[in-house]
Amino acid sequence: MEVTVGLGTSSVTTIAGDLAVSGDDVTIYNAVNDSNPTISLGSSATERGEIKAVYESGAQGLDGFRFTTYTAGSSADDGTFGFYVDESFKFGINDDGINIVASGNL
């Protein structure tokens, strides 16, 4: 399964597999054993964030989701995950681990 959509003046669209766009929803299904469909956002294969649906081995059952960042930079905390609620930082995950805003609760 591959879906590629480029924005701007040079856009390319490649669609293989099941893709549905309805209203505000985008649905991507790929009923192929070990397919592990992904969505990537970024500037290149080495500078991107990836969301992957991980299938059970040899099957199409969903085993879990994997969130991965890829960076070519060597600076600390490149590729950090930040979580914001109402535009306010609540917690993040970086090279040092999990950081929770000072007034946050667990």
PDB file of N, CA and C in Angstrom:
ATOM      1  N   MET A   1       0.840  -1.175   0.000  1.00  0.00           N
ATOM      2  CA  MET A   1       0.000   0.000   0.000  1.00  0.00           C
ATOM      3  C   MET A   1       0.875   1.223   0.000  1.00  0.00           C
ATOM      4  N   GLU A   2       0.671   2.098  -0.939  1.00  0.00           N
ATOM      5  CA  GLU A   2       1.408   3.342  -0.969  1.00  0.00           C
ATOM      6  C   GLU A   2       0.481   4.450  -1.414  1.00  0.00           C
ATOM      7  N   VAL A   3       0.468   5.524  -0.677  1.00  0.00           N
ATOM      8  CA  VAL A   3      -0.292   6.709  -1.045  1.00  0.00           C
ATOM      9  C   VAL A   3       0.669   7.871  -0.908  1.00  0.00           C
ATOM     10  N   THR A   4       0.950   8.549  -2.008  1.00  0.00           N
ATOM     11  CA  THR A   4       1.847   9.689  -1.983  1.00  0.00           C
ATOM     12  C   THR A   4       1.124  10.876  -2.587  1.00  0.00           C
ATOM     13  N   VAL A   5       1.034  11.954  -1.840  1.00  0.00           N
ATOM     14  CA  VAL A   5       0.408  13.175  -2.345  1.00  0.00           C
ATOM     15  C   VAL A   5       1.351  14.318  -2.060  1.00  0.00           C
ATOM     16  N   GLY A   6       1.815  14.975  -3.108  1.00  0.00           N
ATOM     17  CA  GLY A   6       2.687  16.128  -2.936  1.00  0.00           C
ATOM     18  C   GLY A   6       1.875  17.397  -3.048  1.00  0.00           C
ATOM     19  N   LEU A   7       2.236  18.418  -2.291  1.00  0.00           N
ATOM     20  CA  LEU A   7       1.539  19.697  -2.342  1.00  0.00           C
ATOM     21  C   LEU A   7       2.430  20.730  -3.017  1.00  0.00           C
ATOM     22  N   GLY A   8       1.816  21.748  -3.531  1.00  0.00           N
ATOM     23  CA  GLY A   8       2.572  22.795  -4.206  1.00  0.00           C
ATOM     24  C   GLY A   8       2.511  22.601  -5.707  1.00  0.00           C
ATOM     25  N   THR A   9       3.464  23.188  -6.414  1.00  0.00           N
ATOM     26  CA  THR A   9       3.427  23.147  -7.870  1.00  0.00           C
ATOM     27  C   THR A   9       3.825  21.798  -8.442  1.00  0.00           C
ATOM     28  N   SER A  10       4.642  21.015  -7.735  1.00  0.00           N
ATOM     29  CA  SER A  10       5.003  19.697  -8.238  1.00  0.00           C
ATOM     30  C   SER A  10       4.310  18.640  -7.411  1.00  0.00           C
ATOM     31  N   SER A  11       3.092  18.317  -7.754  1.00  0.00           N
ATOM     32  CA  SER A  11       2.427  17.300  -6.959  1.00  0.00           C
ATOM     33  C   SER A  11       2.312  16.008  -7.740  1.00  0.00           C
ATOM     34  N   VAL A  12       2.492  14.922  -7.016  1.00  0.00           N
ATOM     35  CA  VAL A  12       2.418  13.586  -7.581  1.00  0.00           C
ATOM     36  C   VAL A  12       1.462  12.796  -6.708  1.00  0.00           C
ATOM     37  N   THR A  13       0.585  12.044  -7.329  1.00  0.00           N
ATOM     38  CA  THR A  13      -0.334  11.215  -6.571  1.00  0.00           C
ATOM     39  C   THR A  13      -0.204   9.782  -7.045  1.00  0.00           C
ATOM     40  N   THR A  14       0.118   8.882  -6.130  1.00  0.00           N
ATOM     41  CA  THR A  14       0.187   7.464  -6.423  1.00  0.00           C
ATOM     42  C   THR A  14      -0.736   6.772  -5.448  1.00  0.00           C
ATOM     43  N   ILE A  15      -1.662   5.985  -5.966  1.00  0.00           N
ATOM     44  CA  ILE A  15      -2.586   5.284  -5.091  1.00  0.00           C
ATOM     45  C   ILE A  15      -2.611   3.808  -5.472  1.00  0.00           C
ATOM     46  N   ALA A  16      -2.319   2.964  -4.508  1.00  0.00           N
ATOM     47  CA  ALA A  16      -2.408   1.514  -4.682  1.00  0.00           C
ATOM     48  C   ALA A  16      -2.970   0.952  -3.390  1.00  0.00           C
ATOM     49  N   GLY A  17      -3.964   0.125  -3.458  1.00  0.00           N
ATOM     50  CA  GLY A  17      -4.600  -0.389  -2.245  1.00  0.00           C
ATOM     51  C   GLY A  17      -5.928   0.307  -2.037  1.00  0.00           C
ATOM     52  N   ASP A  18      -6.423   0.333  -0.810  1.00  0.00           N
ATOM     53  CA  ASP A  18      -7.721   0.922  -0.496  1.00  0.00           C
ATOM     54  C   ASP A  18      -7.542   2.279   0.156  1.00  0.00           C
ATOM     55  N   LEU A  19      -8.026   3.330  -0.505  1.00  0.00           N
ATOM     56  CA  LEU A  19      -7.989   4.689   0.027  1.00  0.00           C
ATOM     57  C   LEU A  19      -9.363   5.284  -0.146  1.00  0.00           C
ATOM     58  N   ALA A  20      -9.913   5.840   0.919  1.00  0.00           N
ATOM     59  CA  ALA A  20     -11.223   6.486   0.854  1.00  0.00           C
ATOM     60  C   ALA A  20     -11.127   7.858   1.500  1.00  0.00           C
ATOM     61  N   VAL A  21     -11.643   8.865   0.811  1.00  0.00           N
ATOM     62  CA  VAL A  21     -11.715  10.212   1.354  1.00  0.00           C
ATOM     63  C   VAL A  21     -13.175  10.592   1.352  1.00  0.00           C
ATOM     64  N   SER A  22     -13.720  10.859   2.542  1.00  0.00           N
ATOM     65  CA  SER A  22     -15.133  11.171   2.668  1.00  0.00           C
ATOM     66  C   SER A  22     -15.295  12.295   3.675  1.00  0.00           C
ATOM     67  N   GLY A  23     -15.744  13.464   3.216  1.00  0.00           N
ATOM     68  CA  GLY A  23     -15.884  14.589   4.130  1.00  0.00           C
ATOM     69  C   GLY A  23     -14.551  14.941   4.738  1.00  0.00           C
ATOM     70  N   ASP A  24     -14.478  14.906   6.053  1.00  0.00           N
ATOM     71  CA  ASP A  24     -13.241  15.234   6.759  1.00  0.00           C
ATOM     72  C   ASP A  24     -12.396  14.014   7.084  1.00  0.00           C
ATOM     73  N   ASP A  25     -12.808  12.834   6.640  1.00  0.00           N
ATOM     74  CA  ASP A  25     -12.117  11.604   7.001  1.00  0.00           C
ATOM     75  C   ASP A  25     -11.254  11.082   5.857  1.00  0.00           C
ATOM     76  N   VAL A  26     -10.092  10.569   6.204  1.00  0.00           N
ATOM     77  CA  VAL A  26      -9.233   9.855   5.272  1.00  0.00           C
ATOM     78  C   VAL A  26      -9.054   8.459   5.844  1.00  0.00           C
ATOM     79  N   THR A  27      -9.390   7.450   5.075  1.00  0.00           N
ATOM     80  CA  THR A  27      -9.289   6.066   5.523  1.00  0.00           C
ATOM     81  C   THR A  27      -8.334   5.328   4.604  1.00  0.00           C
ATOM     82  N   ILE A  28      -7.372   4.642   5.194  1.00  0.00           N
ATOM     83  CA  ILE A  28      -6.432   3.838   4.421  1.00  0.00           C
ATOM     84  C   ILE A  28      -6.439   2.433   5.003  1.00  0.00           C
ATOM     85  N   TYR A  29      -6.824   1.466   4.195  1.00  0.00           N
ATOM     86  CA  TYR A  29      -6.787   0.055   4.591  1.00  0.00           C
ATOM     87  C   TYR A  29      -5.886  -0.687   3.620  1.00  0.00           C
ATOM     88  N   ASN A  30      -5.168  -1.659   4.112  1.00  0.00           N
ATOM     89  CA  ASN A  30      -4.373  -2.512   3.238  1.00  0.00           C
ATOM     90  C   ASN A  30      -4.462  -3.939   3.764  1.00  0.00           C
ATOM     91  N   ALA A  31      -5.333  -4.722   3.143  1.00  0.00           N
ATOM     92  CA  ALA A  31      -5.595  -6.095   3.579  1.00  0.00           C
ATOM     93  C   ALA A  31      -4.583  -7.051   2.950  1.00  0.00           C
ATOM     94  N   VAL A  32      -3.324  -6.901   3.382  1.00  0.00           N
ATOM     95  CA  VAL A  32      -2.231  -7.749   2.901  1.00  0.00           C
ATOM     96  C   VAL A  32      -1.431  -8.180   4.126  1.00  0.00           C
ATOM     97  N   ASN A  33      -1.171  -9.461   4.262  1.00  0.00           N
ATOM     98  CA  ASN A  33      -0.397  -9.958   5.402  1.00  0.00           C
ATOM     99  C   ASN A  33       0.918  -9.200   5.545  1.00  0.00           C
ATOM    100  N   ASP A  34       1.265  -8.828   6.774  1.00  0.00           N
ATOM    101  CA  ASP A  34       2.517  -8.133   7.100  1.00  0.00           C
ATOM    102  C   ASP A  34       2.692  -6.795   6.385  1.00  0.00           C
ATOM    103  N   SER A  35       1.608  -6.177   5.945  1.00  0.00           N
ATOM    104  CA  SER A  35       1.687  -4.928   5.189  1.00  0.00           C
ATOM    105  C   SER A  35       2.261  -3.776   6.008  1.00  0.00           C
ATOM    106  N   ASN A  36       1.798  -3.614   7.248  1.00  0.00           N
ATOM    107  CA  ASN A  36       2.252  -2.537   8.128  1.00  0.00           C
ATOM    108  C   ASN A  36       2.166  -1.153   7.466  1.00  0.00           C
ATOM    109  N   PRO A  37       0.958  -0.689   7.096  1.00  0.00           N
ATOM    110  CA  PRO A  37       0.818   0.595   6.413  1.00  0.00           C
ATOM    111  C   PRO A  37       1.339   1.750   7.272  1.00  0.00           C
ATOM    112  N   THR A  38       1.914   2.768   6.612  1.00  0.00           N
ATOM    113  CA  THR A  38       2.497   3.909   7.311  1.00  0.00           C
ATOM    114  C   THR A  38       2.015   5.230   6.728  1.00  0.00           C
ATOM    115  N   ILE A  39       2.054   6.240   7.569  1.00  0.00           N
ATOM    116  CA  ILE A  39       1.854   7.625   7.146  1.00  0.00           C
ATOM    117  C   ILE A  39       3.115   8.362   7.568  1.00  0.00           C
ATOM    118  N   SER A  40       3.739   9.077   6.638  1.00  0.00           N
ATOM    119  CA  SER A  40       4.950   9.836   6.936  1.00  0.00           C
ATOM    120  C   SER A  40       4.735  11.307   6.605  1.00  0.00           C
ATOM    121  N   LEU A  41       5.216  12.187   7.480  1.00  0.00           N
ATOM    122  CA  LEU A  41       5.170  13.631   7.264  1.00  0.00           C
ATOM    123  C   LEU A  41       6.557  14.183   7.514  1.00  0.00           C
ATOM    124  N   GLY A  42       7.040  15.018   6.627  1.00  0.00           N
ATOM    125  CA  GLY A  42       8.353  15.629   6.807  1.00  0.00           C
ATOM    126  C   GLY A  42       8.912  16.115   5.500  1.00  0.00           C
ATOM    127  N   SER A  43      10.206  16.374   5.485  1.00  0.00           N
ATOM    128  CA  SER A  43      10.849  16.888   4.275  1.00  0.00           C
ATOM    129  C   SER A  43      11.539  15.815   3.447  1.00  0.00           C
ATOM    130  N   SER A  44      11.832  14.659   4.055  1.00  0.00           N
ATOM    131  CA  SER A  44      12.518  13.584   3.327  1.00  0.00           C
ATOM    132  C   SER A  44      12.440  12.304   4.154  1.00  0.00           C
ATOM    133  N   ALA A  45      12.956  11.218   3.609  1.00  0.00           N
ATOM    134  CA  ALA A  45      12.951   9.934   4.325  1.00  0.00           C
ATOM    135  C   ALA A  45      13.789  10.003   5.598  1.00  0.00           C
ATOM    136  N   THR A  46      14.787  10.895   5.645  1.00  0.00           N
ATOM    137  CA  THR A  46      15.639  11.002   6.825  1.00  0.00           C
ATOM    138  C   THR A  46      15.223  12.119   7.769  1.00  0.00           C
ATOM    139  N   GLU A  47      14.196  12.883   7.412  1.00  0.00           N
ATOM    140  CA  GLU A  47      13.684  13.975   8.251  1.00  0.00           C
ATOM    141  C   GLU A  47      12.165  13.908   8.262  1.00  0.00           C
ATOM    142  N   ARG A  48      11.623  12.998   9.079  1.00  0.00           N
ATOM    143  CA  ARG A  48      10.179  12.793   9.051  1.00  0.00           C
ATOM    144  C   ARG A  48       9.681  12.148  10.336  1.00  0.00           C
ATOM    145  N   GLY A  49       8.370  12.234  10.493  1.00  0.00           N
ATOM    146  CA  GLY A  49       7.676  11.496  11.527  1.00  0.00           C
ATOM    147  C   GLY A  49       6.855  10.413  10.858  1.00  0.00           C
ATOM    148  N   GLU A  50       6.715   9.286  11.504  1.00  0.00           N
ATOM    149  CA  GLU A  50       6.019   8.149  10.903  1.00  0.00           C
ATOM    150  C   GLU A  50       5.028   7.562  11.895  1.00  0.00           C
ATOM    151  N   ILE A  51       3.832   7.265  11.404  1.00  0.00           N
ATOM    152  CA  ILE A  51       2.844   6.510  12.165  1.00  0.00           C
ATOM    153  C   ILE A  51       2.648   5.202  11.413  1.00  0.00           C
ATOM    154  N   LYS A  52       2.839   4.089  12.090  1.00  0.00           N
ATOM    155  CA  LYS A  52       2.759   2.782  11.433  1.00  0.00           C
ATOM    156  C   LYS A  52       1.761   1.889  12.150  1.00  0.00           C
ATOM    157  N   ALA A  53       0.873   1.268  11.372  1.00  0.00           N
ATOM    158  CA  ALA A  53      -0.007   0.228  11.899  1.00  0.00           C
ATOM    159  C   ALA A  53       0.765  -1.086  11.781  1.00  0.00           C
ATOM    160  N   VAL A  54       1.098  -1.696  12.904  1.00  0.00           N
ATOM    161  CA  VAL A  54       1.908  -2.915  12.912  1.00  0.00           C
ATOM    162  C   VAL A  54       0.975  -4.122  12.972  1.00  0.00           C
ATOM    163  N   TYR A  55       1.061  -4.963  11.942  1.00  0.00           N
ATOM    164  CA  TYR A  55       0.209  -6.149  11.855  1.00  0.00           C
ATOM    165  C   TYR A  55       0.822  -7.316  12.618  1.00  0.00           C
ATOM    166  N   GLU A  56      -0.036  -8.243  13.026  1.00  0.00           N
ATOM    167  CA  GLU A  56       0.444  -9.487  13.623  1.00  0.00           C
ATOM    168  C   GLU A  56       1.254 -10.245  12.579  1.00  0.00           C
ATOM    169  N   SER A  57       2.258 -10.966  13.005  1.00  0.00           N
ATOM    170  CA  SER A  57       3.149 -11.667  12.090  1.00  0.00           C
ATOM    171  C   SER A  57       2.388 -12.637  11.192  1.00  0.00           C
ATOM    172  N   GLY A  58       2.570 -12.484   9.891  1.00  0.00           N
ATOM    173  CA  GLY A  58       1.950 -13.376   8.921  1.00  0.00           C
ATOM    174  C   GLY A  58       0.454 -13.200   8.770  1.00  0.00           C
ATOM    175  N   ALA A  59      -0.084 -12.077   9.269  1.00  0.00           N
ATOM    176  CA  ALA A  59      -1.534 -11.887   9.245  1.00  0.00           C
ATOM    177  C   ALA A  59      -1.874 -10.423   8.986  1.00  0.00           C
ATOM    178  N   GLN A  60      -3.178 -10.106   9.113  1.00  0.00           N
ATOM    179  CA  GLN A  60      -3.656  -8.749   8.898  1.00  0.00           C
ATOM    180  C   GLN A  60      -4.252  -8.136  10.161  1.00  0.00           C
ATOM    181  N   GLY A  61      -4.191  -8.847  11.282  1.00  0.00           N
ATOM    182  CA  GLY A  61      -4.705  -8.322  12.546  1.00  0.00           C
ATOM    183  C   GLY A  61      -3.803  -7.224  13.072  1.00  0.00           C
ATOM    184  N   LEU A  62      -4.397  -6.190  13.633  1.00  0.00           N
ATOM    185  CA  LEU A  62      -3.625  -5.073  14.170  1.00  0.00           C
ATOM    186  C   LEU A  62      -2.964  -5.474  15.485  1.00  0.00           C
ATOM    187  N   ASP A  63      -1.649  -5.440  15.504  1.00  0.00           N
ATOM    188  CA  ASP A  63      -0.889  -5.755  16.709  1.00  0.00           C
ATOM    189  C   ASP A  63      -0.676  -4.494  17.543  1.00  0.00           C
ATOM    190  N   GLY A  64      -0.530  -3.346  16.891  1.00  0.00           N
ATOM    191  CA  GLY A  64      -0.327  -2.095  17.608  1.00  0.00           C
ATOM    192  C   GLY A  64       0.048  -0.971  16.666  1.00  0.00           C
ATOM    193  N   PHE A  65       0.301   0.198  17.256  1.00  0.00           N
ATOM    194  CA  PHE A  65       0.748   1.368  16.498  1.00  0.00           C
ATOM    195  C   PHE A  65       2.145   1.744  16.951  1.00  0.00           C
ATOM    196  N   ARG A  66       2.949   2.225  16.014  1.00  0.00           N
ATOM    197  CA  ARG A  66       4.302   2.671  16.319  1.00  0.00           C
ATOM    198  C   ARG A  66       4.454   4.103  15.818  1.00  0.00           C
ATOM    199  N   PHE A  67       4.913   5.000  16.694  1.00  0.00           N
ATOM    200  CA  PHE A  67       5.192   6.390  16.354  1.00  0.00           C
ATOM    201  C   PHE A  67       6.707   6.556  16.362  1.00  0.00           C
ATOM    202  N   THR A  68       7.275   6.954  15.227  1.00  0.00           N
ATOM    203  CA  THR A  68       8.726   7.027  15.094  1.00  0.00           C
ATOM    204  C   THR A  68       9.120   8.346  14.449  1.00  0.00           C
ATOM    205  N   THR A  69      10.206   8.956  14.937  1.00  0.00           N
ATOM    206  CA  THR A  69      10.780  10.107  14.247  1.00  0.00           C
ATOM    207  C   THR A  69      12.135   9.705  13.680  1.00  0.00           C
ATOM    208  N   TYR A  70      12.438  10.255  12.518  1.00  0.00           N
ATOM    209  CA  TYR A  70      13.720  10.031  11.848  1.00  0.00           C
ATOM    210  C   TYR A  70      14.374  11.389  11.650  1.00  0.00           C
ATOM    211  N   THR A  71      15.612  11.544  12.118  1.00  0.00           N
ATOM    212  CA  THR A  71      16.326  12.795  11.920  1.00  0.00           C
ATOM    213  C   THR A  71      17.768  12.508  11.544  1.00  0.00           C
ATOM    214  N   ALA A  72      18.302  13.329  10.657  1.00  0.00           N
ATOM    215  CA  ALA A  72      19.703  13.215  10.271  1.00  0.00           C
ATOM    216  C   ALA A  72      20.580  14.074  11.177  1.00  0.00           C
ATOM    217  N   GLY A  73      19.949  14.986  11.929  1.00  0.00           N
ATOM    218  CA  GLY A  73      20.690  15.881  12.810  1.00  0.00           C
ATOM    219  C   GLY A  73      21.274  15.158  14.007  1.00  0.00           C
ATOM    220  N   SER A  74      22.306  15.763  14.572  1.00  0.00           N
ATOM    221  CA  SER A  74      22.945  15.158  15.738  1.00  0.00           C
ATOM    222  C   SER A  74      22.684  15.960  17.013  1.00  0.00           C
ATOM    223  N   SER A  75      21.855  17.002  16.924  1.00  0.00           N
ATOM    224  CA  SER A  75      21.533  17.798  18.106  1.00  0.00           C
ATOM    225  C   SER A  75      20.665  16.998  19.066  1.00  0.00           C
ATOM    226  N   ALA A  76      20.871  17.243  20.360  1.00  0.00           N
ATOM    227  CA  ALA A  76      20.049  16.573  21.365  1.00  0.00           C
ATOM    228  C   ALA A  76      18.591  16.935  21.158  1.00  0.00           C
ATOM    229  N   ASP A  77      17.736  15.987  21.353  1.00  0.00           N
ATOM    230  CA  ASP A  77      16.287  16.147  21.306  1.00  0.00           C
ATOM    231  C   ASP A  77      15.718  16.448  19.921  1.00  0.00           C
ATOM    232  N   ASP A  78      16.475  16.237  18.847  1.00  0.00           N
ATOM    233  CA  ASP A  78      15.872  16.288  17.518  1.00  0.00           C
ATOM    234  C   ASP A  78      14.828  15.178  17.456  1.00  0.00           C
ATOM    235  N   GLY A  79      13.704  15.429  16.833  1.00  0.00           N
ATOM    236  CA  GLY A  79      12.663  14.420  16.706  1.00  0.00           C
ATOM    237  C   GLY A  79      11.824  14.233  17.955  1.00  0.00           C
ATOM    238  N   THR A  80      11.732  15.251  18.792  1.00  0.00           N
ATOM    239  CA  THR A  80      10.955  15.186  20.027  1.00  0.00           C
ATOM    240  C   THR A  80       9.463  15.072  19.734  1.00  0.00           C
ATOM    241  N   PHE A  81       8.746  14.326  20.551  1.00  0.00           N
ATOM    242  CA  PHE A  81       7.285  14.297  20.511  1.00  0.00           C
ATOM    243  C   PHE A  81       6.788  15.301  21.549  1.00  0.00           C
ATOM    244  N   GLY A  82       5.893  16.185  21.148  1.00  0.00           N
ATOM    245  CA  GLY A  82       5.293  17.138  22.076  1.00  0.00           C
ATOM    246  C   GLY A  82       3.779  16.992  22.052  1.00  0.00           C
ATOM    247  N   PHE A  83       3.163  17.003  23.213  1.00  0.00           N
ATOM    248  CA  PHE A  83       1.714  16.855  23.321  1.00  0.00           C
ATOM    249  C   PHE A  83       1.129  18.126  23.924  1.00  0.00           C
ATOM    250  N   TYR A  84       0.194  18.718  23.195  1.00  0.00           N
ATOM    251  CA  TYR A  84      -0.412  19.990  23.583  1.00  0.00           C
ATOM    252  C   TYR A  84      -1.926  19.814  23.694  1.00  0.00           C
ATOM    253  N   VAL A  85      -2.508  20.383  24.720  1.00  0.00           N
ATOM    254  CA  VAL A  85      -3.956  20.405  24.901  1.00  0.00           C
ATOM    255  C   VAL A  85      -4.367  21.869  24.939  1.00  0.00           C
ATOM    256  N   ASP A  86      -5.326  22.246  24.121  1.00  0.00           N
ATOM    257  CA  ASP A  86      -5.734  23.656  24.012  1.00  0.00           C
ATOM    258  C   ASP A  86      -4.520  24.559  23.782  1.00  0.00           C
ATOM    259  N   GLU A  87      -3.606  24.093  22.939  1.00  0.00           N
ATOM    260  CA  GLU A  87      -2.392  24.823  22.558  1.00  0.00           C
ATOM    261  C   GLU A  87      -1.406  25.015  23.703  1.00  0.00           C
ATOM    262  N   SER A  88      -1.578  24.277  24.771  1.00  0.00           N
ATOM    263  CA  SER A  88      -0.699  24.385  25.932  1.00  0.00           C
ATOM    264  C   SER A  88       0.080  23.080  26.108  1.00  0.00           C
ATOM    265  N   PHE A  89       1.406  23.184  26.202  1.00  0.00           N
ATOM    266  CA  PHE A  89       2.264  22.010  26.355  1.00  0.00           C
ATOM    267  C   PHE A  89       1.924  21.257  27.638  1.00  0.00           C
ATOM    268  N   LYS A  90       1.724  19.949  27.526  1.00  0.00           N
ATOM    269  CA  LYS A  90       1.432  19.105  28.687  1.00  0.00           C
ATOM    270  C   LYS A  90       2.558  18.133  28.983  1.00  0.00           C
ATOM    271  N   PHE A  91       3.040  17.445  27.948  1.00  0.00           N
ATOM    272  CA  PHE A  91       4.205  16.589  28.154  1.00  0.00           C
ATOM    273  C   PHE A  91       4.882  16.294  26.837  1.00  0.00           C
ATOM    274  N   GLY A  92       6.139  15.870  26.941  1.00  0.00           N
ATOM    275  CA  GLY A  92       6.922  15.562  25.755  1.00  0.00           C
ATOM    276  C   GLY A  92       7.801  14.350  25.991  1.00  0.00           C
ATOM    277  N   ILE A  93       8.237  13.791  24.893  1.00  0.00           N
ATOM    278  CA  ILE A  93       9.162  12.655  24.936  1.00  0.00           C
ATOM    279  C   ILE A  93      10.366  13.051  24.090  1.00  0.00           C
ATOM    280  N   ASN A  94      11.551  13.006  24.693  1.00  0.00           N
ATOM    281  CA  ASN A  94      12.765  13.342  23.963  1.00  0.00           C
ATOM    282  C   ASN A  94      13.869  12.360  24.344  1.00  0.00           C
ATOM    283  N   ASP A  95      15.118  12.696  24.005  1.00  0.00           N
ATOM    284  CA  ASP A  95      16.244  11.802  24.266  1.00  0.00           C
ATOM    285  C   ASP A  95      16.400  11.454  25.747  1.00  0.00           C
ATOM    286  N   ASP A  96      15.988  12.368  26.626  1.00  0.00           N
ATOM    287  CA  ASP A  96      16.143  12.139  28.069  1.00  0.00           C
ATOM    288  C   ASP A  96      14.997  11.349  28.681  1.00  0.00           C
ATOM    289  N   GLY A  97      13.904  11.173  27.945  1.00  0.00           N
ATOM    290  CA  GLY A  97      12.756  10.443  28.472  1.00  0.00           C
ATOM    291  C   GLY A  97      11.493  11.273  28.396  1.00  0.00           C
ATOM    292  N   ILE A  98      10.629  11.132  29.389  1.00  0.00           N
ATOM    293  CA  ILE A  98       9.341  11.824  29.411  1.00  0.00           C
ATOM    294  C   ILE A  98       9.458  13.071  30.283  1.00  0.00           C
ATOM    295  N   ASN A  99       9.015  14.197  29.742  1.00  0.00           N
ATOM    296  CA  ASN A  99       8.996  15.457  30.483  1.00  0.00           C
ATOM    297  C   ASN A  99       7.561  15.901  30.637  1.00  0.00           C
ATOM    298  N   ILE A 100       7.139  16.148  31.882  1.00  0.00           N
ATOM    299  CA  ILE A 100       5.765  16.571  32.170  1.00  0.00           C
ATOM    300  C   ILE A 100       5.810  18.005  32.682  1.00  0.00           C
ATOM    301  N   VAL A 101       4.875  18.835  32.212  1.00  0.00           N
ATOM    302  CA  VAL A 101       4.800  20.219  32.667  1.00  0.00           C
ATOM    303  C   VAL A 101       4.751  20.231  34.203  1.00  0.00           C
ATOM    304  N   ALA A 102       5.362  21.227  34.838  1.00  0.00           N
ATOM    305  CA  ALA A 102       5.528  21.262  36.298  1.00  0.00           C
ATOM    306  C   ALA A 102       4.236  21.073  37.068  1.00  0.00           C
ATOM    307  N   SER A 103       3.132  21.586  36.574  1.00  0.00           N
ATOM    308  CA  SER A 103       1.873  21.447  37.308  1.00  0.00           C
ATOM    309  C   SER A 103       1.056  20.239  36.862  1.00  0.00           C
ATOM    310  N   GLY A 104       1.658  19.384  36.057  1.00  0.00           N
ATOM    311  CA  GLY A 104       0.928  18.215  35.540  1.00  0.00           C
ATOM    312  C   GLY A 104       0.694  17.160  36.598  1.00  0.00           C
ATOM    313  N   ASN A 105      -0.304  16.328  36.365  1.00  0.00           N
ATOM    314  CA  ASN A 105      -0.633  15.238  37.280  1.00  0.00           C
ATOM    315  C   ASN A 105      -0.488  13.913  36.554  1.00  0.00           C
ATOM    316  N   LEU A 106      -0.184  12.893  37.308  1.00  0.00           N
ATOM    317  CA  LEU A 106      -0.158  11.542  36.739  1.00  0.00           C
ATOM    318  C   LEU A 106      -1.328  10.769  37.247  1.00  0.00           C
TER     319      LEU A 106
END
